[in-house]
Protein backbone atom coordinates (compact mmCIF):
# COMPACT_ATOMS: atom_id res chain seq x y z
CA MET A 1 59.40 76.94 84.92
CA LEU A 2 58.28 74.67 87.74
CA TYR A 3 58.23 71.67 85.41
CA ARG A 4 61.91 71.94 84.51
CA THR A 5 64.84 70.89 86.70
CA PHE A 6 66.46 74.23 87.46
CA GLY A 7 63.05 75.89 87.65
CA ALA A 8 61.84 73.45 90.30
CA ILE A 9 65.08 73.86 92.24
CA GLY A 10 64.67 77.63 91.98
CA TYR A 11 61.10 77.60 93.26
CA VAL A 12 62.03 75.34 96.18
CA LEU A 13 65.01 77.50 97.14
CA VAL A 14 63.07 80.77 96.94
CA VAL A 15 60.24 79.37 99.06
CA ALA A 16 62.71 77.77 101.48
CA GLY A 17 64.57 81.06 101.86
CA MET A 18 61.37 82.94 102.63
CA LEU A 19 60.16 80.16 104.94
CA THR A 20 63.37 80.12 106.99
CA LEU A 21 63.03 83.87 107.38
CA ALA A 22 59.36 83.68 108.38
CA LEU A 23 60.00 80.97 110.96
CA ASP A 24 63.27 82.52 112.25
CA TRP A 25 65.21 79.33 111.61
CA THR A 26 68.27 81.12 110.24
CA SER A 27 69.71 84.60 110.04
CA PHE A 28 68.40 87.17 107.61
CA THR A 29 71.62 86.93 105.58
CA LEU A 30 71.44 83.16 105.15
CA SER A 31 67.75 83.33 104.21
CA CYS A 32 68.55 85.94 101.56
CA ILE A 33 71.43 83.83 100.20
CA ILE A 34 69.09 80.83 99.87
CA ALA A 35 66.41 82.92 98.12
CA ILE A 36 68.95 84.57 95.79
CA ALA A 37 70.32 81.13 94.88
CA GLY A 38 66.77 80.20 93.92
CA LEU A 39 66.42 83.30 91.77
CA VAL A 40 69.72 82.48 90.05
CA SER A 41 68.44 78.97 89.39
CA LEU A 42 65.23 80.40 87.90
CA GLY A 43 67.34 82.71 85.74
CA ILE A 44 69.41 79.78 84.49
CA GLU A 45 66.26 77.89 83.52
CA GLU A 46 64.73 80.96 81.89
CA ASN A 47 67.91 81.38 79.86
CA ARG A 48 67.83 77.70 78.84
CA ALA A 49 64.18 78.01 77.79
CA GLY A 50 65.00 80.67 75.19
CA LYS A 51 62.90 83.61 74.25
CA ARG A 52 59.29 83.28 75.39
CA HIS A 53 56.28 85.50 74.77
CA TRP A 54 55.86 88.12 77.49
CA LEU A 55 52.36 86.89 78.44
CA VAL A 56 53.63 83.33 78.87
CA LYS A 57 56.33 84.59 81.26
CA TYR A 58 53.88 86.69 83.26
CA VAL A 59 51.42 83.84 83.64
CA ASP A 60 54.24 81.49 84.63
CA TYR A 61 55.65 83.71 87.39
CA ALA A 62 52.42 85.36 88.62
CA PRO A 63 51.90 83.31 91.84
CA LEU A 64 55.54 83.61 92.88
CA PHE A 65 55.53 87.35 92.30
CA LEU A 66 52.13 88.19 93.80
CA LEU A 67 52.38 85.93 96.84
CA GLY A 68 55.98 87.05 97.32
CA LEU A 69 54.87 90.68 97.46
CA ILE A 70 52.08 89.86 99.90
CA TYR A 71 54.60 87.87 101.98
CA ILE A 72 56.80 90.95 102.31
CA VAL A 73 53.86 92.89 103.77
CA VAL A 74 52.67 90.17 106.20
CA ARG A 75 56.01 88.59 107.11
CA GLU A 76 55.64 89.51 110.77
CA GLN A 77 52.39 87.54 111.03
CA GLN A 78 53.94 84.11 111.08
CA ASN A 79 50.82 81.99 110.48
CA LEU A 80 49.68 84.03 107.49
CA ALA A 81 53.21 84.10 106.04
CA VAL A 82 53.56 80.31 106.26
CA TRP A 83 50.13 79.86 104.66
CA LEU A 84 51.11 82.15 101.76
CA LEU A 85 54.40 80.33 101.26
CA SER A 86 52.67 76.95 101.24
CA ALA A 87 50.36 78.21 98.47
CA ILE A 88 53.17 79.32 96.12
CA ILE A 89 54.17 75.89 94.78
CA PRO A 90 50.63 74.54 94.07
CA LEU A 91 49.49 77.81 92.47
CA SER A 92 52.73 77.96 90.46
CA ALA A 93 52.08 74.43 89.25
CA ILE A 94 48.67 75.52 87.95
CA SER A 95 49.99 78.71 86.36
CA GLY A 96 52.96 76.83 84.86
CA TRP A 97 50.61 74.30 83.32
CA TYR A 98 48.52 77.11 81.83
CA ALA A 99 51.64 78.93 80.60
CA ASN A 100 52.71 75.74 78.80
CA ARG A 101 49.27 75.50 77.20
CA LEU A 102 49.48 79.14 76.12
CA ALA A 103 52.95 78.66 74.64
CA ARG A 104 51.62 75.93 72.33
CA ARG A 105 49.35 78.40 70.54
CA PRO A 106 50.91 80.01 67.48
CA ARG A 107 49.93 83.47 68.67
CA PHE A 108 52.05 83.18 71.82
CA ARG A 109 55.13 81.58 70.31
CA SER A 110 58.11 83.88 70.24
CA LEU A 111 60.57 81.53 68.60
CA ARG A 112 60.43 80.74 64.93
CA LYS A 113 60.87 77.25 63.60
CA ILE A 114 64.37 76.30 62.48
CA GLU A 115 63.17 75.93 58.88
CA ASP A 116 62.08 79.58 58.90
CA LEU A 117 65.52 80.75 60.02
CA ILE A 118 67.38 79.09 57.13
CA PRO A 119 68.19 81.75 54.52
CA GLU A 120 66.75 81.28 51.06
CA THR A 121 69.12 80.24 48.30
CA PRO A 122 68.77 81.89 44.90
CA GLY A 123 66.24 80.18 42.70
CA THR A 124 64.22 78.63 45.53
CA LYS A 125 61.01 79.95 46.87
CA LYS A 126 59.72 79.32 50.37
CA GLU A 127 56.23 77.97 50.68
CA HIS A 128 53.98 79.79 53.10
CA HIS A 129 52.42 77.42 55.60
CA PRO A 130 48.71 78.28 56.18
CA HIS A 131 49.07 78.08 59.98
CA GLN A 132 52.18 80.24 60.15
CA HIS A 133 51.45 83.43 62.08
CA TYR A 134 54.94 84.61 62.90
CA ARG A 135 56.04 88.17 62.40
CA GLN A 136 58.64 88.46 59.71
């Protein structure tokens, strides 16, 4: 998601919300509003991306989720919290790149091709493509 517009905005807002909370720049409420706006932005991008394989989603969001959980535990230790937050974007870039590579493999594609969704007309027979591994 980091390589798409709303996804990048979402990541930046989530990290900014957690960072403002860790550094006590704003109130708790404003920090939560910023982070929730980021989650909404991520949701918008996820909705625009369509249905993706569950493993692709998990790989894509793993750094944000794992470092976000660790951040919740160590939020009071300001130096460690800032270090964790600064690692989210670069690690998410790596995991997003790998998720994109995974999504290119036929095994991890959840969406069918448009040609496969067109109903058959009577008298025509669909040809089976040798590299087609979709569940029917």
